Amino acid sequence: MGMFDDLLQEVDKGNVIGLFLLDMSAAFDTVDHGKLKDVLERRFGVCGSALKWFSSYLQSRNFRVNVVTAIPNSA
């Protein structure tokens, strides 16, 4: 609620607002999580609480695939 209030205050002041939202919900489903963590740590220097956050986020990822088949009626 705080961010929304801040945005409204800036709009009321006549300021231009830019908002970037990132939905990471499916972004990591097709990536090997161990390799991703290694790249984040070794190549990009992500460490400490940021690396722990990514690890925690990746550990709780679940996904489900439903396959529905339909066999057409023969004429």
N, C-alpha and C. Protein backbone atom coordinates (compact mmCIF):
# COMPACT_ATOMS: atom_id res chain seq x y z
N MET A 1 0.82 -1.18 0.00
CA MET A 1 0.00 0.00 0.00
C MET A 1 0.87 1.25 0.00
N GLY A 2 2.03 1.21 0.63
CA GLY A 2 2.91 2.36 0.71
C GLY A 2 3.40 2.82 -0.65
N MET A 3 3.78 1.87 -1.50
CA MET A 3 4.27 2.24 -2.83
C MET A 3 3.14 2.88 -3.64
N PHE A 4 1.95 2.34 -3.54
CA PHE A 4 0.81 2.88 -4.26
C PHE A 4 0.53 4.32 -3.83
N ASP A 5 0.60 4.57 -2.53
CA ASP A 5 0.40 5.93 -2.02
C ASP A 5 1.47 6.88 -2.54
N ASP A 6 2.72 6.40 -2.56
CA ASP A 6 3.81 7.23 -3.09
C ASP A 6 3.59 7.58 -4.55
N LEU A 7 3.13 6.61 -5.32
CA LEU A 7 2.85 6.86 -6.73
C LEU A 7 1.74 7.90 -6.90
N LEU A 8 0.69 7.76 -6.13
CA LEU A 8 -0.41 8.72 -6.21
C LEU A 8 0.03 10.14 -5.83
N GLN A 9 0.87 10.24 -4.81
CA GLN A 9 1.36 11.56 -4.40
C GLN A 9 2.17 12.21 -5.52
N GLU A 10 2.99 11.41 -6.19
CA GLU A 10 3.80 11.96 -7.28
C GLU A 10 2.93 12.37 -8.46
N VAL A 11 1.90 11.60 -8.75
CA VAL A 11 0.97 11.96 -9.82
C VAL A 11 0.25 13.25 -9.46
N ASP A 12 -0.17 13.38 -8.20
CA ASP A 12 -0.84 14.61 -7.76
C ASP A 12 0.06 15.83 -7.91
N LYS A 13 1.37 15.63 -7.76
CA LYS A 13 2.33 16.72 -7.92
C LYS A 13 2.59 17.06 -9.38
N GLY A 14 2.06 16.22 -10.28
CA GLY A 14 2.27 16.45 -11.71
C GLY A 14 3.51 15.78 -12.26
N ASN A 15 4.15 14.93 -11.48
CA ASN A 15 5.35 14.23 -11.93
C ASN A 15 5.00 13.04 -12.81
N VAL A 16 5.89 12.74 -13.73
CA VAL A 16 5.73 11.57 -14.59
C VAL A 16 6.24 10.35 -13.82
N ILE A 17 5.48 9.28 -13.87
CA ILE A 17 5.82 8.08 -13.13
C ILE A 17 6.13 6.95 -14.10
N GLY A 18 7.21 6.23 -13.82
CA GLY A 18 7.53 5.02 -14.57
C GLY A 18 7.56 3.85 -13.60
N LEU A 19 6.95 2.77 -13.99
CA LEU A 19 6.90 1.60 -13.11
C LEU A 19 7.25 0.37 -13.92
N PHE A 20 8.21 -0.38 -13.45
CA PHE A 20 8.64 -1.60 -14.12
C PHE A 20 8.32 -2.77 -13.22
N LEU A 21 7.50 -3.68 -13.70
CA LEU A 21 7.14 -4.87 -12.93
C LEU A 21 7.70 -6.09 -13.63
N LEU A 22 8.25 -7.00 -12.86
CA LEU A 22 8.86 -8.20 -13.41
C LEU A 22 8.19 -9.41 -12.80
N ASP A 23 7.63 -10.25 -13.63
CA ASP A 23 6.99 -11.48 -13.18
C ASP A 23 7.96 -12.62 -13.41
N MET A 24 8.56 -13.10 -12.33
CA MET A 24 9.54 -14.18 -12.45
C MET A 24 8.92 -15.55 -12.21
N SER A 25 7.60 -15.63 -12.15
CA SER A 25 6.96 -16.87 -11.74
C SER A 25 7.30 -18.06 -12.62
N ALA A 26 7.44 -17.88 -13.93
CA ALA A 26 7.75 -19.01 -14.80
C ALA A 26 9.16 -18.91 -15.38
N ALA A 27 9.87 -17.87 -15.07
CA ALA A 27 11.17 -17.64 -15.69
C ALA A 27 12.20 -18.71 -15.36
N PHE A 28 12.10 -19.34 -14.20
CA PHE A 28 13.12 -20.27 -13.77
C PHE A 28 12.70 -21.73 -13.87
N ASP A 29 11.53 -22.01 -14.42
CA ASP A 29 11.04 -23.38 -14.47
C ASP A 29 11.83 -24.26 -15.43
N THR A 30 12.46 -23.68 -16.44
CA THR A 30 13.17 -24.49 -17.43
C THR A 30 14.68 -24.40 -17.27
N VAL A 31 15.16 -23.80 -16.19
CA VAL A 31 16.59 -23.62 -15.96
C VAL A 31 17.04 -24.52 -14.82
N ASP A 32 18.22 -25.15 -15.00
CA ASP A 32 18.79 -25.94 -13.92
C ASP A 32 19.16 -24.98 -12.78
N HIS A 33 18.53 -25.16 -11.63
CA HIS A 33 18.69 -24.22 -10.53
C HIS A 33 20.11 -24.20 -9.97
N GLY A 34 20.75 -25.35 -9.93
CA GLY A 34 22.14 -25.40 -9.44
C GLY A 34 23.07 -24.60 -10.33
N LYS A 35 22.93 -24.78 -11.64
CA LYS A 35 23.77 -24.03 -12.58
C LYS A 35 23.48 -22.53 -12.50
N LEU A 36 22.21 -22.18 -12.35
CA LEU A 36 21.84 -20.77 -12.25
C LEU A 36 22.50 -20.13 -11.03
N LYS A 37 22.44 -20.81 -9.89
CA LYS A 37 23.06 -20.26 -8.68
C LYS A 37 24.57 -20.12 -8.85
N ASP A 38 25.21 -21.11 -9.49
CA ASP A 38 26.65 -21.01 -9.75
C ASP A 38 26.98 -19.81 -10.62
N VAL A 39 26.21 -19.60 -11.68
CA VAL A 39 26.46 -18.46 -12.58
C VAL A 39 26.23 -17.14 -11.84
N LEU A 40 25.16 -17.06 -11.07
CA LEU A 40 24.89 -15.83 -10.32
C LEU A 40 26.03 -15.51 -9.36
N GLU A 41 26.56 -16.54 -8.72
CA GLU A 41 27.61 -16.34 -7.71
C GLU A 41 28.98 -16.08 -8.36
N ARG A 42 29.37 -16.94 -9.28
CA ARG A 42 30.73 -16.86 -9.83
C ARG A 42 30.89 -15.81 -10.91
N ARG A 43 29.90 -15.70 -11.78
CA ARG A 43 30.05 -14.79 -12.92
C ARG A 43 29.59 -13.36 -12.60
N PHE A 44 28.51 -13.27 -11.82
CA PHE A 44 27.94 -11.96 -11.56
C PHE A 44 28.20 -11.45 -10.13
N GLY A 45 28.83 -12.28 -9.30
CA GLY A 45 29.19 -11.82 -7.96
C GLY A 45 28.05 -11.71 -6.98
N VAL A 46 26.94 -12.36 -7.25
CA VAL A 46 25.80 -12.34 -6.31
C VAL A 46 26.20 -13.18 -5.10
N CYS A 47 26.06 -12.61 -3.91
CA CYS A 47 26.45 -13.34 -2.71
C CYS A 47 25.60 -12.87 -1.53
N GLY A 48 25.86 -13.46 -0.40
CA GLY A 48 25.18 -13.05 0.83
C GLY A 48 23.67 -13.23 0.78
N SER A 49 22.97 -12.23 1.28
CA SER A 49 21.52 -12.33 1.40
C SER A 49 20.83 -12.39 0.03
N ALA A 50 21.43 -11.77 -0.99
CA ALA A 50 20.83 -11.84 -2.33
C ALA A 50 20.87 -13.26 -2.87
N LEU A 51 21.99 -13.94 -2.70
CA LEU A 51 22.09 -15.34 -3.16
C LEU A 51 21.18 -16.24 -2.33
N LYS A 52 21.08 -15.97 -1.05
CA LYS A 52 20.17 -16.75 -0.19
C LYS A 52 18.72 -16.56 -0.63
N TRP A 53 18.37 -15.32 -1.02
CA TRP A 53 17.00 -15.05 -1.49
C TRP A 53 16.71 -15.85 -2.74
N PHE A 54 17.63 -15.82 -3.72
CA PHE A 54 17.43 -16.61 -4.93
C PHE A 54 17.32 -18.09 -4.61
N SER A 55 18.19 -18.59 -3.75
CA SER A 55 18.14 -20.02 -3.38
C SER A 55 16.80 -20.37 -2.75
N SER A 56 16.34 -19.54 -1.85
CA SER A 56 15.06 -19.78 -1.19
C SER A 56 13.91 -19.76 -2.20
N TYR A 57 13.95 -18.78 -3.11
CA TYR A 57 12.91 -18.66 -4.13
C TYR A 57 12.89 -19.90 -5.03
N LEU A 58 14.07 -20.36 -5.42
CA LEU A 58 14.14 -21.50 -6.33
C LEU A 58 13.76 -22.81 -5.65
N GLN A 59 14.01 -22.93 -4.36
CA GLN A 59 13.67 -24.17 -3.66
C GLN A 59 12.17 -24.40 -3.58
N SER A 60 11.40 -23.36 -3.53
CA SER A 60 9.95 -23.53 -3.36
C SER A 60 9.20 -23.50 -4.69
N ARG A 61 9.91 -23.62 -5.80
CA ARG A 61 9.27 -23.59 -7.11
C ARG A 61 8.61 -24.94 -7.39
N ASN A 62 7.36 -24.90 -7.74
CA ASN A 62 6.62 -26.08 -8.17
C ASN A 62 5.88 -25.74 -9.45
N PHE A 63 5.70 -26.73 -10.27
CA PHE A 63 4.87 -26.50 -11.44
C PHE A 63 4.14 -27.78 -11.77
N ARG A 64 3.07 -27.65 -12.51
CA ARG A 64 2.23 -28.79 -12.85
C ARG A 64 1.87 -28.68 -14.32
N VAL A 65 1.84 -29.82 -14.96
CA VAL A 65 1.44 -29.88 -16.36
C VAL A 65 0.21 -30.75 -16.45
N ASN A 66 -0.85 -30.22 -17.03
CA ASN A 66 -2.06 -31.00 -17.28
C ASN A 66 -2.16 -31.27 -18.78
N VAL A 67 -2.35 -32.52 -19.10
CA VAL A 67 -2.50 -32.90 -20.50
C VAL A 67 -3.92 -33.44 -20.67
N VAL A 68 -4.66 -32.81 -21.55
CA VAL A 68 -6.02 -33.24 -21.83
C VAL A 68 -6.04 -33.70 -23.28
N THR A 69 -6.46 -34.92 -23.47
CA THR A 69 -6.54 -35.44 -24.83
C THR A 69 -7.99 -35.60 -25.21
N ALA A 70 -8.25 -35.34 -26.45
CA ALA A 70 -9.60 -35.52 -26.97
C ALA A 70 -9.52 -36.39 -28.21
N ILE A 71 -10.33 -37.39 -28.26
CA ILE A 71 -10.39 -38.25 -29.44
C ILE A 71 -11.66 -37.89 -30.22
N PRO A 72 -11.47 -37.40 -31.43
CA PRO A 72 -12.66 -37.01 -32.20
C PRO A 72 -13.53 -38.21 -32.53
N ASN A 73 -14.84 -37.96 -32.58
CA ASN A 73 -15.78 -39.01 -32.96
C ASN A 73 -15.61 -39.27 -34.44
N SER A 74 -15.60 -40.55 -34.81
CA SER A 74 -15.53 -40.86 -36.25
C SER A 74 -16.92 -40.69 -36.87
N ALA A 75 -16.93 -40.20 -38.10
CA ALA A 75 -18.20 -39.91 -38.77
C ALA A 75 -18.83 -41.13 -39.37
